[in-house]
Amino acid sequence: MAYTTVAIIYNPNSTGASEQLARELADEIHTRVPRQKVELFKTEHAGHGEELAYDIAISSERPLIISSSGDGGYYDVINGAMKAQREGRQPTTGILPAGNANDHYHNLHTDDLAEQIVKQQSMKIDLLKIASTTNGKPIERYAHSYIGFGLTPQVGQELTKAKLNPVTEAWIVLKSLWTIKPVHLKIDEKVRHYESVVCSNVDIMSKFLKISQPSSVTDGRFEVTIFTRRNKLRLLLLLLEASLKGVKEDTQVSEFTLTTVHETLVQADGEIIKLDADAEVRVTVEPRILTCIV
């Protein structure tokens, strides 16, 4: 059955080629499948991609929603699609890599995107879900690749402030390592300082860090990689090891819980969220819940 629409969401203010790639993909689909309905949607503010994805999924019977973006834009689209799915809709999603970080795409995609659209190839993958509180209100958010505490959101927060190229990105990461503060968390009833705690269902994060041994997005489990507090030199050596040959995850689970001690930043894919102090945090896997093209 053909898609009722192929909706391509792009950010006109992206530092990458989000709009250009979106229009090129639309033209290619029109050429190869002239009868296929293709629509372009531009985001106008933070979180607009989530609103658009939800509205598209609600208003179309069998939509394919493509995010021309990096991980953050796809995070928005997935959360909008999942909101619609909870209301009985069945959207399919996909990503056209057009951002600085494209961990989901680089870990999973194996074929030409237009070809997959033409052939209507898709699969069901796991998503991570985080449940906690922010500003005293409960939240539930989905992530396609990872949920990280400590090093991940603190560096991510600095990266979002800058216009990136490989040199500035490397400099920001290096500078952040020397100013970064360990995160204070309660795990397994013990309160400790951690450099980083990452829950992931992909192998590689931030283009080069191999944060776990080969993982799967269809096995109903995710990997937890924990960096305990260490001096900066040892942390640099650990990151070098992660970039060259990878580090083995500490455990593989379907659920992981911890408690914050202070207000704590967490990064879900490209989105940074501030959690309350003394908040219980529950990370779970939702097995094969998202239909997507990879």
C-alpha atoms as a PDB file:
ATOM      1  CA  MET A   1       0.000   0.000   0.000  1.00  0.00           C
ATOM      2  CA  ALA A   2       1.392   3.400  -0.987  1.00  0.00           C
ATOM      3  CA  TYR A   3       2.044   6.127   1.562  1.00  0.00           C
ATOM      4  CA  THR A   4      -0.831   8.594   1.741  1.00  0.00           C
ATOM      5  CA  THR A   5       1.840  11.290   1.944  1.00  0.00           C
ATOM      6  CA  VAL A   6       5.590  11.645   2.236  1.00  0.00           C
ATOM      7  CA  ALA A   7       6.070  14.627   4.543  1.00  0.00           C
ATOM      8  CA  ILE A   8       9.587  16.074   4.736  1.00  0.00           C
ATOM      9  CA  ILE A   9      10.223  18.370   7.690  1.00  0.00           C
ATOM     10  CA  TYR A  10      13.188  20.734   7.439  1.00  0.00           C
ATOM     11  CA  ASN A  11      14.707  23.606   9.409  1.00  0.00           C
ATOM     12  CA  PRO A  12      15.208  26.706   7.204  1.00  0.00           C
ATOM     13  CA  ASN A  13      17.671  28.105   9.752  1.00  0.00           C
ATOM     14  CA  SER A  14      19.786  24.965  10.030  1.00  0.00           C
ATOM     15  CA  THR A  15      23.564  25.333   9.948  1.00  0.00           C
ATOM     16  CA  GLY A  16      23.519  22.352   7.581  1.00  0.00           C
ATOM     17  CA  ALA A  17      21.761  21.896   4.245  1.00  0.00           C
ATOM     18  CA  SER A  18      18.414  20.883   5.739  1.00  0.00           C
ATOM     19  CA  GLU A  19      16.190  22.744   3.270  1.00  0.00           C
ATOM     20  CA  GLN A  20      18.300  21.985   0.188  1.00  0.00           C
ATOM     21  CA  LEU A  21      18.432  18.249   0.933  1.00  0.00           C
ATOM     22  CA  ALA A  22      14.700  18.185   1.673  1.00  0.00           C
ATOM     23  CA  ARG A  23      13.890  19.770  -1.684  1.00  0.00           C
ATOM     24  CA  GLU A  24      16.298  17.476  -3.535  1.00  0.00           C
ATOM     25  CA  LEU A  25      14.679  14.405  -1.971  1.00  0.00           C
ATOM     26  CA  ALA A  26      11.199  15.703  -2.848  1.00  0.00           C
ATOM     27  CA  ASP A  27      12.272  16.219  -6.468  1.00  0.00           C
ATOM     28  CA  GLU A  28      13.753  12.717  -6.655  1.00  0.00           C
ATOM     29  CA  ILE A  29      10.586  11.116  -5.291  1.00  0.00           C
ATOM     30  CA  HIS A  30       8.463  13.106  -7.759  1.00  0.00           C
ATOM     31  CA  THR A  31      10.671  11.896 -10.600  1.00  0.00           C
ATOM     32  CA  ARG A  32      10.648   8.245  -9.578  1.00  0.00           C
ATOM     33  CA  VAL A  33       7.064   7.987  -8.283  1.00  0.00           C
ATOM     34  CA  PRO A  34       5.073  10.768  -9.991  1.00  0.00           C
ATOM     35  CA  ARG A  35       1.792   9.853  -8.264  1.00  0.00           C
ATOM     36  CA  GLN A  36       3.240   9.900  -4.761  1.00  0.00           C
ATOM     37  CA  LYS A  37       2.070  12.878  -2.725  1.00  0.00           C
ATOM     38  CA  VAL A  38       5.080  14.732  -1.273  1.00  0.00           C
ATOM     39  CA  GLU A  39       4.833  17.699   1.095  1.00  0.00           C
ATOM     40  CA  LEU A  40       7.482  19.988   2.544  1.00  0.00           C
ATOM     41  CA  PHE A  41       7.105  21.495   6.012  1.00  0.00           C
ATOM     42  CA  LYS A  42       9.459  24.027   7.593  1.00  0.00           C
ATOM     43  CA  THR A  43       9.940  24.406  11.324  1.00  0.00           C
ATOM     44  CA  GLU A  44       9.494  27.858  12.793  1.00  0.00           C
ATOM     45  CA  HIS A  45      10.585  27.424  16.406  1.00  0.00           C
ATOM     46  CA  ALA A  46      12.105  24.936  18.846  1.00  0.00           C
ATOM     47  CA  GLY A  47       9.908  21.857  19.201  1.00  0.00           C
ATOM     48  CA  HIS A  48       7.896  22.698  16.074  1.00  0.00           C
ATOM     49  CA  GLY A  49       9.050  19.494  14.396  1.00  0.00           C
ATOM     50  CA  GLU A  50       7.272  17.497  17.100  1.00  0.00           C
ATOM     51  CA  GLU A  51       4.054  19.477  16.586  1.00  0.00           C
ATOM     52  CA  LEU A  52       4.241  19.053  12.815  1.00  0.00           C
ATOM     53  CA  ALA A  53       4.911  15.297  13.035  1.00  0.00           C
ATOM     54  CA  TYR A  54       1.939  14.837  15.353  1.00  0.00           C
ATOM     55  CA  ASP A  55      -0.402  16.868  13.131  1.00  0.00           C
ATOM     56  CA  ILE A  56       0.726  14.993   9.995  1.00  0.00           C
ATOM     57  CA  ALA A  57       0.311  11.602  11.681  1.00  0.00           C
ATOM     58  CA  ILE A  58      -3.162  12.493  12.936  1.00  0.00           C
ATOM     59  CA  SER A  59      -4.413  13.894   9.634  1.00  0.00           C
ATOM     60  CA  SER A  60      -3.056  11.260   7.231  1.00  0.00           C
ATOM     61  CA  GLU A  61      -3.938   7.567   7.163  1.00  0.00           C
ATOM     62  CA  ARG A  62      -0.513   6.144   6.268  1.00  0.00           C
ATOM     63  CA  PRO A  63       2.100   8.909   6.358  1.00  0.00           C
ATOM     64  CA  LEU A  64       5.848   8.661   6.001  1.00  0.00           C
ATOM     65  CA  ILE A  65       7.403  11.500   8.005  1.00  0.00           C
ATOM     66  CA  ILE A  66      11.003  12.322   7.098  1.00  0.00           C
ATOM     67  CA  SER A  67      13.156  14.605   9.224  1.00  0.00           C
ATOM     68  CA  SER A  68      15.810  16.478   7.222  1.00  0.00           C
ATOM     69  CA  SER A  69      17.973  17.109  10.253  1.00  0.00           C
ATOM     70  CA  GLY A  70      20.419  15.761  12.774  1.00  0.00           C
ATOM     71  CA  ASP A  71      19.567  13.669  15.819  1.00  0.00           C
ATOM     72  CA  GLY A  72      17.772  16.523  17.576  1.00  0.00           C
ATOM     73  CA  GLY A  73      15.330  17.116  14.739  1.00  0.00           C
ATOM     74  CA  TYR A  74      14.627  13.401  14.431  1.00  0.00           C
ATOM     75  CA  TYR A  75      14.067  13.235  18.194  1.00  0.00           C
ATOM     76  CA  ASP A  76      11.285  15.813  17.785  1.00  0.00           C
ATOM     77  CA  VAL A  77       9.704  13.907  14.900  1.00  0.00           C
ATOM     78  CA  ILE A  78       9.764  10.614  16.791  1.00  0.00           C
ATOM     79  CA  ASN A  79       8.133  12.116  19.871  1.00  0.00           C
ATOM     80  CA  GLY A  80       5.395  13.665  17.723  1.00  0.00           C
ATOM     81  CA  ALA A  81       4.875  10.381  15.899  1.00  0.00           C
ATOM     82  CA  MET A  82       4.721   8.418  19.153  1.00  0.00           C
ATOM     83  CA  LYS A  83       2.120  10.788  20.578  1.00  0.00           C
ATOM     84  CA  ALA A  84      -0.048  10.104  17.534  1.00  0.00           C
ATOM     85  CA  GLN A  85       0.646   6.382  17.763  1.00  0.00           C
ATOM     86  CA  ARG A  86      -0.667   6.343  21.337  1.00  0.00           C
ATOM     87  CA  GLU A  87      -3.897   7.707  19.858  1.00  0.00           C
ATOM     88  CA  GLY A  88      -4.169   4.831  17.412  1.00  0.00           C
ATOM     89  CA  ARG A  89      -2.283   6.156  14.381  1.00  0.00           C
ATOM     90  CA  GLN A  90       0.476   4.262  12.549  1.00  0.00           C
ATOM     91  CA  PRO A  91       3.029   6.692  11.102  1.00  0.00           C
ATOM     92  CA  THR A  92       6.348   5.638   9.588  1.00  0.00           C
ATOM     93  CA  THR A  93       9.395   7.835  10.171  1.00  0.00           C
ATOM     94  CA  GLY A  94      12.811   8.305   8.603  1.00  0.00           C
ATOM     95  CA  ILE A  95      15.797  10.623   8.703  1.00  0.00           C
ATOM     96  CA  LEU A  96      17.593  12.485   5.934  1.00  0.00           C
ATOM     97  CA  PRO A  97      20.956  13.330   7.556  1.00  0.00           C
ATOM     98  CA  ALA A  98      21.390  17.101   7.472  1.00  0.00           C
ATOM     99  CA  GLY A  99      22.727  17.996  10.899  1.00  0.00           C
ATOM    100  CA  ASN A 100      25.934  18.039  12.879  1.00  0.00           C
ATOM    101  CA  ALA A 101      25.182  14.801  14.727  1.00  0.00           C
ATOM    102  CA  ASN A 102      23.570  11.915  12.856  1.00  0.00           C
ATOM    103  CA  ASP A 103      24.222   8.982  15.190  1.00  0.00           C
ATOM    104  CA  HIS A 104      20.974   7.194  14.396  1.00  0.00           C
ATOM    105  CA  TYR A 105      21.550   7.377  10.642  1.00  0.00           C
ATOM    106  CA  HIS A 106      25.207   6.341  10.731  1.00  0.00           C
ATOM    107  CA  ASN A 107      24.519   3.412  13.071  1.00  0.00           C
ATOM    108  CA  LEU A 108      21.522   1.978  11.227  1.00  0.00           C
ATOM    109  CA  HIS A 109      21.109   3.088   7.629  1.00  0.00           C
ATOM    110  CA  THR A 110      22.414   0.766   4.951  1.00  0.00           C
ATOM    111  CA  ASP A 111      20.573   1.788   1.767  1.00  0.00           C
ATOM    112  CA  ASP A 112      19.686   4.854  -0.302  1.00  0.00           C
ATOM    113  CA  LEU A 113      16.806   6.739   1.311  1.00  0.00           C
ATOM    114  CA  ALA A 114      14.910   7.440  -1.913  1.00  0.00           C
ATOM    115  CA  GLU A 115      15.237   3.790  -2.927  1.00  0.00           C
ATOM    116  CA  GLN A 116      13.729   2.680   0.374  1.00  0.00           C
ATOM    117  CA  ILE A 117      10.847   5.108  -0.068  1.00  0.00           C
ATOM    118  CA  VAL A 118      10.158   3.846  -3.582  1.00  0.00           C
ATOM    119  CA  LYS A 119      10.250   0.220  -2.420  1.00  0.00           C
ATOM    120  CA  GLN A 120       8.361   1.056   0.797  1.00  0.00           C
ATOM    121  CA  GLN A 121      10.941  -0.773   2.887  1.00  0.00           C
ATOM    122  CA  SER A 122      10.584  -0.392   6.633  1.00  0.00           C
ATOM    123  CA  MET A 123      11.265  -2.144   9.911  1.00  0.00           C
ATOM    124  CA  LYS A 124      10.187  -1.880  13.539  1.00  0.00           C
ATOM    125  CA  ILE A 125      12.849  -0.759  16.015  1.00  0.00           C
ATOM    126  CA  ASP A 126      13.150  -0.295  19.762  1.00  0.00           C
ATOM    127  CA  LEU A 127      13.017   3.125  21.369  1.00  0.00           C
ATOM    128  CA  LEU A 128      14.354   4.226  24.724  1.00  0.00           C
ATOM    129  CA  LYS A 129      11.929   5.997  27.050  1.00  0.00           C
ATOM    130  CA  ILE A 130      12.831   8.228  29.994  1.00  0.00           C
ATOM    131  CA  ALA A 131      10.300   9.009  32.725  1.00  0.00           C
ATOM    132  CA  SER A 132      11.041  11.550  35.458  1.00  0.00           C
ATOM    133  CA  THR A 133      10.028  15.047  36.581  1.00  0.00           C
ATOM    134  CA  THR A 134      10.989  18.559  35.530  1.00  0.00           C
ATOM    135  CA  ASN A 135       9.705  21.689  37.277  1.00  0.00           C
ATOM    136  CA  GLY A 136       7.662  19.391  39.471  1.00  0.00           C
ATOM    137  CA  LYS A 137       5.769  17.904  36.532  1.00  0.00           C
ATOM    138  CA  PRO A 138       6.076  14.347  35.219  1.00  0.00           C
ATOM    139  CA  ILE A 139       7.618  13.877  31.769  1.00  0.00           C
ATOM    140  CA  GLU A 140       7.962  10.958  29.381  1.00  0.00           C
ATOM    141  CA  ARG A 141      10.192  11.283  26.344  1.00  0.00           C
ATOM    142  CA  TYR A 142      11.394   8.846  23.695  1.00  0.00           C
ATOM    143  CA  ALA A 143      14.938   8.617  22.342  1.00  0.00           C
ATOM    144  CA  HIS A 144      16.087   6.778  19.230  1.00  0.00           C
ATOM    145  CA  SER A 145      19.781   6.441  20.122  1.00  0.00           C
ATOM    146  CA  TYR A 146      20.854   7.352  23.656  1.00  0.00           C
ATOM    147  CA  ILE A 147      20.041   9.016  26.972  1.00  0.00           C
ATOM    148  CA  GLY A 148      23.094  10.443  28.728  1.00  0.00           C
ATOM    149  CA  PHE A 149      23.984  12.072  32.043  1.00  0.00           C
ATOM    150  CA  GLY A 150      27.143  13.989  32.960  1.00  0.00           C
ATOM    151  CA  LEU A 151      29.661  14.446  30.156  1.00  0.00           C
ATOM    152  CA  THR A 152      27.137  14.023  27.348  1.00  0.00           C
ATOM    153  CA  PRO A 153      24.635  16.820  28.141  1.00  0.00           C
ATOM    154  CA  GLN A 154      27.272  19.235  29.449  1.00  0.00           C
ATOM    155  CA  VAL A 155      29.297  19.038  26.244  1.00  0.00           C
ATOM    156  CA  GLY A 156      26.087  18.999  24.213  1.00  0.00           C
ATOM    157  CA  GLN A 157      24.921  22.210  25.854  1.00  0.00           C
ATOM    158  CA  GLU A 158      28.143  23.962  24.799  1.00  0.00           C
ATOM    159  CA  LEU A 159      27.924  22.571  21.255  1.00  0.00           C
ATOM    160  CA  THR A 160      24.413  23.954  20.779  1.00  0.00           C
ATOM    161  CA  LYS A 161      25.661  27.477  21.507  1.00  0.00           C
ATOM    162  CA  ALA A 162      28.194  27.535  18.673  1.00  0.00           C
ATOM    163  CA  LYS A 163      28.240  27.419  14.903  1.00  0.00           C
ATOM    164  CA  LEU A 164      30.119  24.209  14.361  1.00  0.00           C
ATOM    165  CA  ASN A 165      32.829  23.015  12.050  1.00  0.00           C
ATOM    166  CA  PRO A 166      35.271  20.182  12.827  1.00  0.00           C
ATOM    167  CA  VAL A 167      37.802  22.556  14.401  1.00  0.00           C
ATOM    168  CA  THR A 168      35.386  24.434  16.667  1.00  0.00           C
ATOM    169  CA  GLU A 169      33.640  21.213  17.647  1.00  0.00           C
ATOM    170  CA  ALA A 170      36.914  19.549  18.676  1.00  0.00           C
ATOM    171  CA  TRP A 171      37.957  22.661  20.593  1.00  0.00           C
ATOM    172  CA  ILE A 172      34.647  22.860  22.477  1.00  0.00           C
ATOM    173  CA  VAL A 173      34.831  19.194  23.443  1.00  0.00           C
ATOM    174  CA  LEU A 174      38.446  19.501  24.616  1.00  0.00           C
ATOM    175  CA  LYS A 175      37.763  22.700  26.560  1.00  0.00           C
ATOM    176  CA  SER A 176      34.662  21.198  28.163  1.00  0.00           C
ATOM    177  CA  LEU A 177      36.641  18.222  29.446  1.00  0.00           C
ATOM    178  CA  TRP A 178      38.694  20.540  31.651  1.00  0.00           C
ATOM    179  CA  THR A 179      35.739  22.477  33.065  1.00  0.00           C
ATOM    180  CA  ILE A 180      33.150  19.738  33.254  1.00  0.00           C
ATOM    181  CA  LYS A 181      31.735  18.768  36.636  1.00  0.00           C
ATOM    182  CA  PRO A 182      30.934  15.165  37.532  1.00  0.00           C
ATOM    183  CA  VAL A 183      27.235  14.437  37.949  1.00  0.00           C
ATOM    184  CA  HIS A 184      25.967  13.398  41.393  1.00  0.00           C
ATOM    185  CA  LEU A 185      23.596  10.418  41.122  1.00  0.00           C
ATOM    186  CA  LYS A 186      22.160   7.656  43.273  1.00  0.00           C
ATOM    187  CA  ILE A 187      22.528   4.282  41.540  1.00  0.00           C
ATOM    188  CA  ASP A 188      21.967   0.932  43.265  1.00  0.00           C
ATOM    189  CA  GLU A 189      21.290   2.783  46.538  1.00  0.00           C
ATOM    190  CA  LYS A 190      24.749   4.392  46.442  1.00  0.00           C
ATOM    191  CA  VAL A 191      25.291   8.119  45.943  1.00  0.00           C
ATOM    192  CA  ARG A 192      28.430   8.802  43.894  1.00  0.00           C
ATOM    193  CA  HIS A 193      29.964  11.222  41.412  1.00  0.00           C
ATOM    194  CA  TYR A 194      30.074  10.019  37.790  1.00  0.00           C
ATOM    195  CA  GLU A 195      31.770  11.453  34.740  1.00  0.00           C
ATOM    196  CA  SER A 196      29.113   9.948  32.494  1.00  0.00           C
ATOM    197  CA  VAL A 197      26.216   7.487  32.478  1.00  0.00           C
ATOM    198  CA  VAL A 198      24.893   6.592  29.028  1.00  0.00           C
ATOM    199  CA  CYS A 199      21.940   4.370  28.158  1.00  0.00           C
ATOM    200  CA  SER A 200      22.154   3.507  24.460  1.00  0.00           C
ATOM    201  CA  ASN A 201      20.913   1.192  21.742  1.00  0.00           C
ATOM    202  CA  VAL A 202      23.535   2.280  19.183  1.00  0.00           C
ATOM    203  CA  ASP A 203      27.258   1.515  19.143  1.00  0.00           C
ATOM    204  CA  ILE A 204      28.689   4.914  18.239  1.00  0.00           C
ATOM    205  CA  MET A 205      27.841   8.308  19.702  1.00  0.00           C
ATOM    206  CA  SER A 206      28.973  11.751  18.518  1.00  0.00           C
ATOM    207  CA  LYS A 207      30.407  10.278  15.305  1.00  0.00           C
ATOM    208  CA  PHE A 208      33.457   8.613  16.862  1.00  0.00           C
ATOM    209  CA  LEU A 209      32.910   7.363  20.427  1.00  0.00           C
ATOM    210  CA  LYS A 210      32.290   3.614  20.472  1.00  0.00           C
ATOM    211  CA  ILE A 211      30.309   3.557  23.700  1.00  0.00           C
ATOM    212  CA  SER A 212      29.398  -0.124  23.641  1.00  0.00           C
ATOM    213  CA  GLN A 213      30.175  -3.330  21.842  1.00  0.00           C
ATOM    214  CA  PRO A 214      27.832  -4.246  18.961  1.00  0.00           C
ATOM    215  CA  SER A 215      24.268  -3.453  20.007  1.00  0.00           C
ATOM    216  CA  SER A 216      20.867  -3.961  18.435  1.00  0.00           C
ATOM    217  CA  VAL A 217      17.740  -1.853  18.052  1.00  0.00           C
ATOM    218  CA  THR A 218      15.505  -4.922  17.848  1.00  0.00           C
ATOM    219  CA  ASP A 219      16.479  -7.069  20.844  1.00  0.00           C
ATOM    220  CA  GLY A 220      14.363  -5.380  23.531  1.00  0.00           C
ATOM    221  CA  ARG A 221      17.417  -4.363  25.544  1.00  0.00           C
ATOM    222  CA  PHE A 222      19.847  -1.452  25.787  1.00  0.00           C
ATOM    223  CA  GLU A 223      23.393  -0.936  26.967  1.00  0.00           C
ATOM    224  CA  VAL A 224      24.437   1.083  30.022  1.00  0.00           C
ATOM    225  CA  THR A 225      27.977   2.501  29.956  1.00  0.00           C
ATOM    226  CA  ILE A 226      29.249   4.131  33.147  1.00  0.00           C
ATOM    227  CA  PHE A 227      32.358   6.291  33.552  1.00  0.00           C
ATOM    228  CA  THR A 228      33.103   6.737  37.239  1.00  0.00           C
ATOM    229  CA  ARG A 229      34.849   9.875  38.453  1.00  0.00           C
ATOM    230  CA  ARG A 230      38.524  10.060  37.473  1.00  0.00           C
ATOM    231  CA  ASN A 231      41.179  12.702  36.886  1.00  0.00           C
ATOM    232  CA  LYS A 232      41.197  14.572  33.584  1.00  0.00           C
ATOM    233  CA  LEU A 233      44.157  12.727  32.126  1.00  0.00           C
ATOM    234  CA  ARG A 234      42.558   9.338  32.776  1.00  0.00           C
ATOM    235  CA  LEU A 235      39.294  10.622  31.308  1.00  0.00           C
ATOM    236  CA  LEU A 236      41.092  11.757  28.149  1.00  0.00           C
ATOM    237  CA  LEU A 237      42.770   8.356  27.856  1.00  0.00           C
ATOM    238  CA  LEU A 238      39.402   6.651  28.282  1.00  0.00           C
ATOM    239  CA  LEU A 239      37.837   8.786  25.551  1.00  0.00           C
ATOM    240  CA  LEU A 240      40.812   8.044  23.303  1.00  0.00           C
ATOM    241  CA  GLU A 241      40.280   4.328  23.904  1.00  0.00           C
ATOM    242  CA  ALA A 242      36.572   4.751  23.113  1.00  0.00           C
ATOM    243  CA  SER A 243      37.379   6.472  19.824  1.00  0.00           C
ATOM    244  CA  LEU A 244      39.990   3.916  18.718  1.00  0.00           C
ATOM    245  CA  LYS A 245      38.592   0.556  19.752  1.00  0.00           C
ATOM    246  CA  GLY A 246      35.538   1.172  21.910  1.00  0.00           C
ATOM    247  CA  VAL A 247      34.723   0.440  25.528  1.00  0.00           C
ATOM    248  CA  LYS A 248      32.590  -2.413  26.745  1.00  0.00           C
ATOM    249  CA  GLU A 249      29.262  -1.515  28.271  1.00  0.00           C
ATOM    250  CA  ASP A 250      28.808  -2.192  32.004  1.00  0.00           C
ATOM    251  CA  THR A 251      25.486  -3.963  31.638  1.00  0.00           C
ATOM    252  CA  GLN A 252      22.708  -4.779  29.183  1.00  0.00           C
ATOM    253  CA  VAL A 253      19.180  -4.331  30.513  1.00  0.00           C
ATOM    254  CA  SER A 254      15.571  -3.534  29.625  1.00  0.00           C
ATOM    255  CA  GLU A 255      15.165  -1.103  32.546  1.00  0.00           C
ATOM    256  CA  PHE A 256      17.546   1.169  34.457  1.00  0.00           C
ATOM    257  CA  THR A 257      16.691   3.442  37.368  1.00  0.00           C
ATOM    258  CA  LEU A 258      18.572   6.134  39.225  1.00  0.00           C
ATOM    259  CA  THR A 259      17.829   9.164  41.388  1.00  0.00           C
ATOM    260  CA  THR A 260      19.150  12.670  40.916  1.00  0.00           C
ATOM    261  CA  VAL A 261      20.738  14.469  43.862  1.00  0.00           C
ATOM    262  CA  HIS A 262      20.692  18.003  42.461  1.00  0.00           C
ATOM    263  CA  GLU A 263      18.980  19.494  39.420  1.00  0.00           C
ATOM    264  CA  THR A 264      20.524  17.427  36.635  1.00  0.00           C
ATOM    265  CA  LEU A 265      20.910  17.794  32.892  1.00  0.00           C
ATOM    266  CA  VAL A 266      20.115  14.794  30.710  1.00  0.00           C
ATOM    267  CA  GLN A 267      20.560  14.547  26.959  1.00  0.00           C
ATOM    268  CA  ALA A 268      18.024  12.501  25.013  1.00  0.00           C
ATOM    269  CA  ASP A 269      19.534  12.264  21.527  1.00  0.00           C
ATOM    270  CA  GLY A 270      20.046  15.943  20.671  1.00  0.00           C
ATOM    271  CA  GLU A 271      17.644  17.393  23.262  1.00  0.00           C
ATOM    272  CA  ILE A 272      18.841  18.607  26.666  1.00  0.00           C
ATOM    273  CA  ILE A 273      16.367  18.414  29.554  1.00  0.00           C
ATOM    274  CA  LYS A 274      16.804  19.660  33.129  1.00  0.00           C
ATOM    275  CA  LEU A 275      15.499  17.168  35.689  1.00  0.00           C
ATOM    276  CA  ASP A 276      14.450  18.052  39.225  1.00  0.00           C
ATOM    277  CA  ALA A 277      16.582  17.410  42.285  1.00  0.00           C
ATOM    278  CA  ASP A 278      15.712  14.207  44.177  1.00  0.00           C
ATOM    279  CA  ALA A 279      13.847  12.920  41.132  1.00  0.00           C
ATOM    280  CA  GLU A 280      13.493   9.251  40.313  1.00  0.00           C
ATOM    281  CA  VAL A 281      14.565   8.552  36.739  1.00  0.00           C
ATOM    282  CA  ARG A 282      13.411   5.428  34.930  1.00  0.00           C
ATOM    283  CA  VAL A 283      14.851   4.488  31.547  1.00  0.00           C
ATOM    284  CA  THR A 284      13.112   1.623  29.757  1.00  0.00           C
ATOM    285  CA  VAL A 285      13.054   0.112  26.296  1.00  0.00           C
ATOM    286  CA  GLU A 286       9.904  -0.011  24.193  1.00  0.00           C
ATOM    287  CA  PRO A 287      10.470  -3.092  21.987  1.00  0.00           C
ATOM    288  CA  ARG A 288       9.912  -2.639  18.251  1.00  0.00           C
ATOM    289  CA  ILE A 289       7.505   0.224  18.787  1.00  0.00           C
ATOM    290  CA  LEU A 290       8.596   2.537  15.953  1.00  0.00           C
ATOM    291  CA  THR A 291       8.092   1.781  12.278  1.00  0.00           C
ATOM    292  CA  CYS A 292      10.855   3.483  10.311  1.00  0.00           C
ATOM    293  CA  ILE A 293      12.899   3.258   7.168  1.00  0.00           C
ATOM    294  CA  VAL A 294      16.568   2.482   7.723  1.00  0.00           C
END
